[in-house]
Amino acid sequence: MSEREHITIQVIPFRNGTFAGSGQSINYFSGPVPQLDTILLEQAHGSLLLDAEAQLEKYRMVIGKMEAIALKQNEARDFIHGLIQEL
Protein backbone atom coordinates (compact mmCIF):
# COMPACT_ATOMS: atom_id res chain seq x y z
CA MET A 1 0.00 0.00 0.00
CA SER A 2 2.86 2.40 0.78
CA GLU A 3 3.92 2.29 -2.87
CA ARG A 4 0.68 3.91 -3.98
CA GLU A 5 1.05 7.56 -4.94
CA HIS A 6 -1.74 8.83 -2.67
CA ILE A 7 -0.58 6.98 0.48
CA THR A 8 2.23 8.09 2.79
CA ILE A 9 3.29 6.05 5.78
CA GLN A 10 5.36 7.86 8.40
CA VAL A 11 7.62 5.78 10.65
CA ILE A 12 9.30 7.50 13.56
CA PRO A 13 11.56 5.12 15.49
CA PHE A 14 11.68 5.53 19.27
CA ARG A 15 15.36 6.49 18.98
CA ASN A 16 14.26 9.76 17.33
CA GLY A 17 12.65 10.90 20.58
CA THR A 18 9.23 12.33 21.32
CA PHE A 19 7.42 14.93 19.26
CA ALA A 20 4.19 16.91 19.24
CA GLY A 21 1.41 14.51 18.40
CA SER A 22 3.15 11.35 19.57
CA GLY A 23 0.86 8.83 21.17
CA GLN A 24 -2.12 9.44 18.93
CA SER A 25 -3.16 8.44 15.46
CA ILE A 26 -3.43 11.38 13.06
CA ASN A 27 -5.03 10.79 9.67
CA TYR A 28 -4.84 13.78 7.34
CA PHE A 29 -7.13 13.64 4.33
CA SER A 30 -6.37 16.21 1.66
CA GLY A 31 -7.40 16.93 -1.87
CA PRO A 32 -7.21 19.58 -4.57
CA VAL A 33 -9.25 22.03 -2.44
CA PRO A 34 -7.38 22.67 0.86
CA GLN A 35 -10.51 24.10 2.51
CA LEU A 36 -12.04 20.61 2.33
CA ASP A 37 -9.12 18.90 4.09
CA THR A 38 -10.06 16.90 7.18
CA ILE A 39 -8.17 15.50 10.17
CA LEU A 40 -9.32 12.25 11.78
CA LEU A 41 -8.11 11.64 15.33
CA GLU A 42 -8.68 8.25 16.95
CA GLN A 43 -9.15 8.73 20.69
CA ALA A 44 -10.17 6.51 23.59
CA HIS A 45 -13.69 7.95 23.57
CA GLY A 46 -14.11 7.64 19.78
CA SER A 47 -13.18 9.31 16.53
CA LEU A 48 -12.93 13.07 16.15
CA LEU A 49 -13.12 14.88 12.80
CA LEU A 50 -11.56 18.33 12.49
CA ASP A 51 -12.02 20.64 9.54
CA ALA A 52 -11.81 24.22 10.85
CA GLU A 53 -8.95 26.18 9.28
CA ALA A 54 -7.28 26.90 12.65
CA GLN A 55 -7.34 23.19 13.53
CA LEU A 56 -6.04 22.20 10.10
CA GLU A 57 -3.19 24.69 10.37
CA LYS A 58 -2.20 23.33 13.79
CA TYR A 59 -2.07 19.76 12.51
CA ARG A 60 -0.27 20.80 9.31
CA MET A 61 2.50 22.11 11.59
CA VAL A 62 2.48 18.92 13.69
CA ILE A 63 2.66 16.78 10.55
CA GLY A 64 5.48 18.94 9.19
CA LYS A 65 7.49 18.32 12.37
CA MET A 66 6.74 14.61 12.14
CA GLU A 67 7.88 14.48 8.52
CA ALA A 68 11.15 16.19 9.46
CA ILE A 69 12.14 13.38 11.87
CA ALA A 70 10.44 10.43 10.15
CA LEU A 71 12.29 7.85 8.10
CA LYS A 72 12.29 8.35 4.32
CA GLN A 73 9.76 6.16 2.46
CA ASN A 74 12.27 3.49 1.39
CA GLU A 75 13.76 3.42 4.92
CA ALA A 76 10.25 3.11 6.40
CA ARG A 77 9.46 0.14 4.14
CA ASP A 78 12.75 -1.54 5.11
CA PHE A 79 12.02 -0.88 8.80
CA ILE A 80 8.53 -2.41 8.53
CA HIS A 81 9.81 -5.42 6.57
CA GLY A 82 12.48 -5.92 9.26
CA LEU A 83 9.81 -5.94 11.97
CA ILE A 84 7.79 -8.50 10.02
CA GLN A 85 10.84 -10.74 9.68
CA GLU A 86 11.36 -10.61 13.46
CA LEU A 87 7.83 -11.90 14.15
PDB file of N, CA and C in Angstrom:
ATOM      1  N   MET A   1       0.825  -1.200   0.000  1.00  0.00           N
ATOM      2  CA  MET A   1       0.000   0.000   0.000  1.00  0.00           C
ATOM      3  C   MET A   1       0.868   1.263   0.000  1.00  0.00           C
ATOM      4  N   SER A   2       2.015   1.202   0.664  1.00  0.00           N
ATOM      5  CA  SER A   2       2.856   2.400   0.778  1.00  0.00           C
ATOM      6  C   SER A   2       3.462   2.813  -0.553  1.00  0.00           C
ATOM      7  N   GLU A   3       3.387   1.949  -1.553  1.00  0.00           N
ATOM      8  CA  GLU A   3       3.918   2.293  -2.871  1.00  0.00           C
ATOM      9  C   GLU A   3       2.903   3.039  -3.726  1.00  0.00           C
ATOM     10  N   ARG A   4       1.694   3.148  -3.245  1.00  0.00           N
ATOM     11  CA  ARG A   4       0.677   3.909  -3.985  1.00  0.00           C
ATOM     12  C   ARG A   4       0.952   5.395  -3.839  1.00  0.00           C
ATOM     13  N   GLU A   5       0.717   6.130  -4.892  1.00  0.00           N
ATOM     14  CA  GLU A   5       1.051   7.558  -4.940  1.00  0.00           C
ATOM     15  C   GLU A   5       0.312   8.383  -3.889  1.00  0.00           C
ATOM     16  N   HIS A   6      -0.912   8.031  -3.575  1.00  0.00           N
ATOM     17  CA  HIS A   6      -1.739   8.829  -2.668  1.00  0.00           C
ATOM     18  C   HIS A   6      -1.642   8.402  -1.205  1.00  0.00           C
ATOM     19  N   ILE A   7      -0.732   7.463  -0.889  1.00  0.00           N
ATOM     20  CA  ILE A   7      -0.583   6.984   0.483  1.00  0.00           C
ATOM     21  C   ILE A   7       0.833   7.269   0.974  1.00  0.00           C
ATOM     22  N   THR A   8       0.934   7.856   2.159  1.00  0.00           N
ATOM     23  CA  THR A   8       2.227   8.091   2.789  1.00  0.00           C
ATOM     24  C   THR A   8       2.194   7.478   4.176  1.00  0.00           C
ATOM     25  N   ILE A   9       3.178   6.649   4.462  1.00  0.00           N
ATOM     26  CA  ILE A   9       3.295   6.053   5.784  1.00  0.00           C
ATOM     27  C   ILE A   9       4.495   6.676   6.461  1.00  0.00           C
ATOM     28  N   GLN A  10       4.285   7.241   7.633  1.00  0.00           N
ATOM     29  CA  GLN A  10       5.356   7.865   8.395  1.00  0.00           C
ATOM     30  C   GLN A  10       5.779   6.915   9.512  1.00  0.00           C
ATOM     31  N   VAL A  11       7.076   6.610   9.584  1.00  0.00           N
ATOM     32  CA  VAL A  11       7.619   5.781  10.648  1.00  0.00           C
ATOM     33  C   VAL A  11       8.626   6.626  11.413  1.00  0.00           C
ATOM     34  N   ILE A  12       8.394   6.754  12.704  1.00  0.00           N
ATOM     35  CA  ILE A  12       9.300   7.503  13.561  1.00  0.00           C
ATOM     36  C   ILE A  12       9.796   6.539  14.636  1.00  0.00           C
ATOM     37  N   PRO A  13      11.030   6.050  14.488  1.00  0.00           N
ATOM     38  CA  PRO A  13      11.564   5.123  15.488  1.00  0.00           C
ATOM     39  C   PRO A  13      11.681   5.797  16.858  1.00  0.00           C
ATOM     40  N   PHE A  14      11.569   5.001  17.912  1.00  0.00           N
ATOM     41  CA  PHE A  14      11.679   5.529  19.267  1.00  0.00           C
ATOM     42  C   PHE A  14      12.990   6.274  19.478  1.00  0.00           C
ATOM     43  N   ARG A  15      14.062   5.854  18.803  1.00  0.00           N
ATOM     44  CA  ARG A  15      15.365   6.493  18.984  1.00  0.00           C
ATOM     45  C   ARG A  15      15.360   7.963  18.555  1.00  0.00           C
ATOM     46  N   ASN A  16      14.357   8.369  17.775  1.00  0.00           N
ATOM     47  CA  ASN A  16      14.265   9.762  17.333  1.00  0.00           C
ATOM     48  C   ASN A  16      13.627  10.665  18.372  1.00  0.00           C
ATOM     49  N   GLY A  17      13.204  10.098  19.497  1.00  0.00           N
ATOM     50  CA  GLY A  17      12.648  10.899  20.579  1.00  0.00           C
ATOM     51  C   GLY A  17      11.166  11.175  20.415  1.00  0.00           C
ATOM     52  N   THR A  18      10.647  11.977  21.347  1.00  0.00           N
ATOM     53  CA  THR A  18       9.229  12.327  21.319  1.00  0.00           C
ATOM     54  C   THR A  18       9.012  13.567  20.459  1.00  0.00           C
ATOM     55  N   PHE A  19       7.769  13.808  20.110  1.00  0.00           N
ATOM     56  CA  PHE A  19       7.418  14.934  19.263  1.00  0.00           C
ATOM     57  C   PHE A  19       5.967  15.296  19.517  1.00  0.00           C
ATOM     58  N   ALA A  20       5.593  16.484  19.109  1.00  0.00           N
ATOM     59  CA  ALA A  20       4.193  16.906  19.245  1.00  0.00           C
ATOM     60  C   ALA A  20       3.315  15.959  18.445  1.00  0.00           C
ATOM     61  N   GLY A  21       2.311  15.419  19.080  1.00  0.00           N
ATOM     62  CA  GLY A  21       1.410  14.508  18.395  1.00  0.00           C
ATOM     63  C   GLY A  21       1.716  13.045  18.646  1.00  0.00           C
ATOM     64  N   SER A  22       2.838  12.755  19.315  1.00  0.00           N
ATOM     65  CA  SER A  22       3.150  11.345  19.565  1.00  0.00           C
ATOM     66  C   SER A  22       2.114  10.759  20.508  1.00  0.00           C
ATOM     67  N   GLY A  23       1.819   9.505  20.310  1.00  0.00           N
ATOM     68  CA  GLY A  23       0.863   8.828  21.168  1.00  0.00           C
ATOM     69  C   GLY A  23      -0.561   8.828  20.633  1.00  0.00           C
ATOM     70  N   GLN A  24      -0.777   9.467  19.499  1.00  0.00           N
ATOM     71  CA  GLN A  24      -2.124   9.442  18.934  1.00  0.00           C
ATOM     72  C   GLN A  24      -2.045   9.230  17.428  1.00  0.00           C
ATOM     73  N   SER A  25      -3.065   8.656  16.895  1.00  0.00           N
ATOM     74  CA  SER A  25      -3.157   8.439  15.461  1.00  0.00           C
ATOM     75  C   SER A  25      -3.702   9.706  14.811  1.00  0.00           C
ATOM     76  N   ILE A  26      -2.987  10.201  13.801  1.00  0.00           N
ATOM     77  CA  ILE A  26      -3.434  11.379  13.059  1.00  0.00           C
ATOM     78  C   ILE A  26      -3.580  10.981  11.599  1.00  0.00           C
ATOM     79  N   ASN A  27      -4.782  11.055  11.088  1.00  0.00           N
ATOM     80  CA  ASN A  27      -5.028  10.788   9.671  1.00  0.00           C
ATOM     81  C   ASN A  27      -5.411  12.104   9.011  1.00  0.00           C
ATOM     82  N   TYR A  28      -4.606  12.514   8.032  1.00  0.00           N
ATOM     83  CA  TYR A  28      -4.844  13.781   7.341  1.00  0.00           C
ATOM     84  C   TYR A  28      -5.318  13.467   5.933  1.00  0.00           C
ATOM     85  N   PHE A  29      -6.538  13.867   5.644  1.00  0.00           N
ATOM     86  CA  PHE A  29      -7.129  13.637   4.326  1.00  0.00           C
ATOM     87  C   PHE A  29      -7.138  14.961   3.566  1.00  0.00           C
ATOM     88  N   SER A  30      -6.455  14.968   2.437  1.00  0.00           N
ATOM     89  CA  SER A  30      -6.366  16.211   1.660  1.00  0.00           C
ATOM     90  C   SER A  30      -6.750  15.944   0.211  1.00  0.00           C
ATOM     91  N   GLY A  31      -7.031  17.018  -0.471  1.00  0.00           N
ATOM     92  CA  GLY A  31      -7.401  16.928  -1.875  1.00  0.00           C
ATOM     93  C   GLY A  31      -7.036  18.207  -2.595  1.00  0.00           C
ATOM     94  N   PRO A  32      -7.567  18.407  -3.776  1.00  0.00           N
ATOM     95  CA  PRO A  32      -7.212  19.582  -4.571  1.00  0.00           C
ATOM     96  C   PRO A  32      -7.735  20.902  -3.987  1.00  0.00           C
ATOM     97  N   VAL A  33      -8.706  20.833  -3.072  1.00  0.00           N
ATOM     98  CA  VAL A  33      -9.253  22.033  -2.444  1.00  0.00           C
ATOM     99  C   VAL A  33      -8.892  21.999  -0.957  1.00  0.00           C
ATOM    100  N   PRO A  34      -7.850  22.743  -0.527  1.00  0.00           N
ATOM    101  CA  PRO A  34      -7.379  22.668   0.860  1.00  0.00           C
ATOM    102  C   PRO A  34      -8.453  22.966   1.903  1.00  0.00           C
ATOM    103  N   GLN A  35      -9.447  23.769   1.563  1.00  0.00           N
ATOM    104  CA  GLN A  35     -10.512  24.103   2.512  1.00  0.00           C
ATOM    105  C   GLN A  35     -11.371  22.885   2.857  1.00  0.00           C
ATOM    106  N   LEU A  36     -11.266  21.825   2.069  1.00  0.00           N
ATOM    107  CA  LEU A  36     -12.038  20.609   2.330  1.00  0.00           C
ATOM    108  C   LEU A  36     -11.212  19.538   3.042  1.00  0.00           C
ATOM    109  N   ASP A  37      -9.963  19.848   3.367  1.00  0.00           N
ATOM    110  CA  ASP A  37      -9.121  18.901   4.095  1.00  0.00           C
ATOM    111  C   ASP A  37      -9.771  18.557   5.432  1.00  0.00           C
ATOM    112  N   THR A  38      -9.482  17.362   5.920  1.00  0.00           N
ATOM    113  CA  THR A  38     -10.063  16.896   7.177  1.00  0.00           C
ATOM    114  C   THR A  38      -9.017  16.102   7.951  1.00  0.00           C
ATOM    115  N   ILE A  39      -9.019  16.267   9.264  1.00  0.00           N
ATOM    116  CA  ILE A  39      -8.166  15.505  10.167  1.00  0.00           C
ATOM    117  C   ILE A  39      -9.058  14.517  10.914  1.00  0.00           C
ATOM    118  N   LEU A  40      -8.622  13.263  10.997  1.00  0.00           N
ATOM    119  CA  LEU A  40      -9.319  12.252  11.776  1.00  0.00           C
ATOM    120  C   LEU A  40      -8.399  11.846  12.910  1.00  0.00           C
ATOM    121  N   LEU A  41      -8.858  12.050  14.137  1.00  0.00           N
ATOM    122  CA  LEU A  41      -8.113  11.640  15.329  1.00  0.00           C
ATOM    123  C   LEU A  41      -8.843  10.481  15.979  1.00  0.00           C
ATOM    124  N   GLU A  42      -8.113   9.396  16.241  1.00  0.00           N
ATOM    125  CA  GLU A  42      -8.683   8.254  16.954  1.00  0.00           C
ATOM    126  C   GLU A  42      -8.338   8.431  18.423  1.00  0.00           C
ATOM    127  N   GLN A  43      -9.355   8.520  19.264  1.00  0.00           N
ATOM    128  CA  GLN A  43      -9.146   8.725  20.693  1.00  0.00           C
ATOM    129  C   GLN A  43      -9.880   7.653  21.476  1.00  0.00           C
ATOM    130  N   ALA A  44      -9.561   7.543  22.750  1.00  0.00           N
ATOM    131  CA  ALA A  44     -10.167   6.513  23.591  1.00  0.00           C
ATOM    132  C   ALA A  44     -11.688   6.593  23.589  1.00  0.00           C
ATOM    133  N   HIS A  45     -12.237   7.791  23.508  1.00  0.00           N
ATOM    134  CA  HIS A  45     -13.687   7.951  23.565  1.00  0.00           C
ATOM    135  C   HIS A  45     -14.337   7.957  22.179  1.00  0.00           C
ATOM    136  N   GLY A  46     -13.554   7.721  21.123  1.00  0.00           N
ATOM    137  CA  GLY A  46     -14.106   7.644  19.776  1.00  0.00           C
ATOM    138  C   GLY A  46     -13.332   8.490  18.792  1.00  0.00           C
ATOM    139  N   SER A  47     -13.827   8.549  17.590  1.00  0.00           N
ATOM    140  CA  SER A  47     -13.180   9.311  16.528  1.00  0.00           C
ATOM    141  C   SER A  47     -13.590  10.771  16.587  1.00  0.00           C
ATOM    142  N   LEU A  48     -12.662  11.636  16.178  1.00  0.00           N
ATOM    143  CA  LEU A  48     -12.929  13.068  16.149  1.00  0.00           C
ATOM    144  C   LEU A  48     -12.505  13.602  14.790  1.00  0.00           C
ATOM    145  N   LEU A  49     -13.421  14.265  14.090  1.00  0.00           N
ATOM    146  CA  LEU A  49     -13.124  14.877  12.796  1.00  0.00           C
ATOM    147  C   LEU A  49     -12.938  16.376  12.975  1.00  0.00           C
ATOM    148  N   LEU A  50     -11.853  16.896  12.415  1.00  0.00           N
ATOM    149  CA  LEU A  50     -11.561  18.331  12.495  1.00  0.00           C
ATOM    150  C   LEU A  50     -11.462  18.894  11.085  1.00  0.00           C
ATOM    151  N   ASP A  51     -12.110  20.035  10.866  1.00  0.00           N
ATOM    152  CA  ASP A  51     -12.015  20.643   9.540  1.00  0.00           C
ATOM    153  C   ASP A  51     -11.958  22.168   9.565  1.00  0.00           C
ATOM    154  N   ALA A  52     -11.927  22.768  10.757  1.00  0.00           N
ATOM    155  CA  ALA A  52     -11.813  24.223  10.853  1.00  0.00           C
ATOM    156  C   ALA A  52     -10.396  24.632  10.463  1.00  0.00           C
ATOM    157  N   GLU A  53     -10.248  25.746   9.795  1.00  0.00           N
ATOM    158  CA  GLU A  53      -8.947  26.183   9.285  1.00  0.00           C
ATOM    159  C   GLU A  53      -7.895  26.281  10.385  1.00  0.00           C
ATOM    160  N   ALA A  54      -8.246  26.794  11.551  1.00  0.00           N
ATOM    161  CA  ALA A  54      -7.279  26.904  12.652  1.00  0.00           C
ATOM    162  C   ALA A  54      -6.803  25.517  13.095  1.00  0.00           C
ATOM    163  N   GLN A  55      -7.714  24.562  13.156  1.00  0.00           N
ATOM    164  CA  GLN A  55      -7.344  23.193  13.533  1.00  0.00           C
ATOM    165  C   GLN A  55      -6.461  22.555  12.465  1.00  0.00           C
ATOM    166  N   LEU A  56      -6.837  22.751  11.199  1.00  0.00           N
ATOM    167  CA  LEU A  56      -6.043  22.202  10.101  1.00  0.00           C
ATOM    168  C   LEU A  56      -4.628  22.776  10.122  1.00  0.00           C
ATOM    169  N   GLU A  57      -4.502  24.061  10.346  1.00  0.00           N
ATOM    170  CA  GLU A  57      -3.188  24.695  10.375  1.00  0.00           C
ATOM    171  C   GLU A  57      -2.333  24.121  11.504  1.00  0.00           C
ATOM    172  N   LYS A  58      -2.927  23.910  12.660  1.00  0.00           N
ATOM    173  CA  LYS A  58      -2.197  23.326  13.790  1.00  0.00           C
ATOM    174  C   LYS A  58      -1.657  21.950  13.417  1.00  0.00           C
ATOM    175  N   TYR A  59      -2.490  21.110  12.843  1.00  0.00           N
ATOM    176  CA  TYR A  59      -2.069  19.760  12.506  1.00  0.00           C
ATOM    177  C   TYR A  59      -1.153  19.733  11.288  1.00  0.00           C
ATOM    178  N   ARG A  60      -1.250  20.702  10.402  1.00  0.00           N
ATOM    179  CA  ARG A  60      -0.271  20.798   9.307  1.00  0.00           C
ATOM    180  C   ARG A  60       1.122  21.035   9.890  1.00  0.00           C
ATOM    181  N   MET A  61       1.218  21.867  10.932  1.00  0.00           N
ATOM    182  CA  MET A  61       2.504  22.114  11.585  1.00  0.00           C
ATOM    183  C   MET A  61       2.996  20.853  12.294  1.00  0.00           C
ATOM    184  N   VAL A  62       2.108  20.159  12.991  1.00  0.00           N
ATOM    185  CA  VAL A  62       2.482  18.918  13.685  1.00  0.00           C
ATOM    186  C   VAL A  62       2.989  17.899  12.669  1.00  0.00           C
ATOM    187  N   ILE A  63       2.266  17.741  11.578  1.00  0.00           N
ATOM    188  CA  ILE A  63       2.657  16.776  10.549  1.00  0.00           C
ATOM    189  C   ILE A  63       3.983  17.183   9.916  1.00  0.00           C
ATOM    190  N   GLY A  64       4.202  18.464   9.717  1.00  0.00           N
ATOM    191  CA  GLY A  64       5.478  18.943   9.189  1.00  0.00           C
ATOM    192  C   GLY A  64       6.636  18.570  10.095  1.00  0.00           C
ATOM    193  N   LYS A  65       6.450  18.707  11.404  1.00  0.00           N
ATOM    194  CA  LYS A  65       7.491  18.321  12.366  1.00  0.00           C
ATOM    195  C   LYS A  65       7.708  16.807  12.344  1.00  0.00           C
ATOM    196  N   MET A  66       6.626  16.059  12.213  1.00  0.00           N
ATOM    197  CA  MET A  66       6.739  14.606  12.144  1.00  0.00           C
ATOM    198  C   MET A  66       7.517  14.191  10.888  1.00  0.00           C
ATOM    199  N   GLU A  67       7.195  14.809   9.767  1.00  0.00           N
ATOM    200  CA  GLU A  67       7.880  14.475   8.518  1.00  0.00           C
ATOM    201  C   GLU A  67       9.372  14.766   8.596  1.00  0.00           C
ATOM    202  N   ALA A  68       9.736  15.799   9.357  1.00  0.00           N
ATOM    203  CA  ALA A  68      11.146  16.185   9.465  1.00  0.00           C
ATOM    204  C   ALA A  68      11.979  15.127  10.189  1.00  0.00           C
ATOM    205  N   ILE A  69      11.374  14.375  11.125  1.00  0.00           N
ATOM    206  CA  ILE A  69      12.143  13.381  11.874  1.00  0.00           C
ATOM    207  C   ILE A  69      11.818  11.949  11.453  1.00  0.00           C
ATOM    208  N   ALA A  70      10.840  11.772  10.582  1.00  0.00           N
ATOM    209  CA  ALA A  70      10.442  10.426  10.154  1.00  0.00           C
ATOM    210  C   ALA A  70      11.454   9.853   9.166  1.00  0.00           C
ATOM    211  N   LEU A  71      11.461   8.530   9.090  1.00  0.00           N
ATOM    212  CA  LEU A  71      12.288   7.855   8.100  1.00  0.00           C
ATOM    213  C   LEU A  71      11.784   8.191   6.699  1.00  0.00           C
ATOM    214  N   LYS A  72      12.682   8.190   5.729  1.00  0.00           N
ATOM    215  CA  LYS A  72      12.290   8.352   4.322  1.00  0.00           C
ATOM    216  C   LYS A  72      11.463   7.129   3.927  1.00  0.00           C
ATOM    217  N   GLN A  73      10.684   7.234   2.840  1.00  0.00           N
ATOM    218  CA  GLN A  73       9.762   6.159   2.463  1.00  0.00           C
ATOM    219  C   GLN A  73      10.460   4.817   2.280  1.00  0.00           C
ATOM    220  N   ASN A  74      11.590   4.782   1.587  1.00  0.00           N
ATOM    221  CA  ASN A  74      12.267   3.493   1.389  1.00  0.00           C
ATOM    222  C   ASN A  74      12.812   2.961   2.709  1.00  0.00           C
ATOM    223  N   GLU A  75      13.286   3.841   3.599  1.00  0.00           N
ATOM    224  CA  GLU A  75      13.758   3.415   4.923  1.00  0.00           C
ATOM    225  C   GLU A  75      12.592   2.892   5.758  1.00  0.00           C
ATOM    226  N   ALA A  76      11.436   3.544   5.648  1.00  0.00           N
ATOM    227  CA  ALA A  76      10.249   3.110   6.396  1.00  0.00           C
ATOM    228  C   ALA A  76       9.820   1.719   5.957  1.00  0.00           C
ATOM    229  N   ARG A  77       9.824   1.476   4.644  1.00  0.00           N
ATOM    230  CA  ARG A  77       9.463   0.142   4.145  1.00  0.00           C
ATOM    231  C   ARG A  77      10.439  -0.912   4.666  1.00  0.00           C
ATOM    232  N   ASP A  78      11.739  -0.599   4.613  1.00  0.00           N
ATOM    233  CA  ASP A  78      12.748  -1.539   5.114  1.00  0.00           C
ATOM    234  C   ASP A  78      12.552  -1.806   6.607  1.00  0.00           C
ATOM    235  N   PHE A  79      12.249  -0.757   7.355  1.00  0.00           N
ATOM    236  CA  PHE A  79      12.021  -0.880   8.801  1.00  0.00           C
ATOM    237  C   PHE A  79      10.831  -1.807   9.071  1.00  0.00           C
ATOM    238  N   ILE A  80       9.738  -1.585   8.359  1.00  0.00           N
ATOM    239  CA  ILE A  80       8.527  -2.409   8.535  1.00  0.00           C
ATOM    240  C   ILE A  80       8.804  -3.855   8.128  1.00  0.00           C
ATOM    241  N   HIS A  81       9.489  -4.048   7.005  1.00  0.00           N
ATOM    242  CA  HIS A  81       9.813  -5.417   6.565  1.00  0.00           C
ATOM    243  C   HIS A  81      10.703  -6.105   7.603  1.00  0.00           C
ATOM    244  N   GLY A  82      11.631  -5.356   8.210  1.00  0.00           N
ATOM    245  CA  GLY A  82      12.482  -5.925   9.259  1.00  0.00           C
ATOM    246  C   GLY A  82      11.676  -6.372  10.465  1.00  0.00           C
ATOM    247  N   LEU A  83      10.681  -5.568  10.840  1.00  0.00           N
ATOM    248  CA  LEU A  83       9.815  -5.944  11.970  1.00  0.00           C
ATOM    249  C   LEU A  83       9.030  -7.210  11.654  1.00  0.00           C
ATOM    250  N   ILE A  84       8.552  -7.313  10.425  1.00  0.00           N
ATOM    251  CA  ILE A  84       7.795  -8.496  10.019  1.00  0.00           C
ATOM    252  C   ILE A  84       8.679  -9.728  10.084  1.00  0.00           C
ATOM    253  N   GLN A  85       9.921  -9.606   9.653  1.00  0.00           N
ATOM    254  CA  GLN A  85      10.841 -10.741   9.681  1.00  0.00           C
ATOM    255  C   GLN A  85      11.129 -11.206  11.113  1.00  0.00           C
ATOM    256  N   GLU A  86      11.101 -10.267  12.068  1.00  0.00           N
ATOM    257  CA  GLU A  86      11.362 -10.612  13.462  1.00  0.00           C
ATOM    258  C   GLU A  86      10.198 -11.345  14.129  1.00  0.00           C
ATOM    259  N   LEU A  87       9.009 -11.254  13.546  1.00  0.00           N
ATOM    260  CA  LEU A  87       7.834 -11.899  14.153  1.00  0.00           C
ATOM    261  C   LEU A  87       7.882 -13.412  14.029  1.00  0.00           C
TER     262      LEU A  87
END
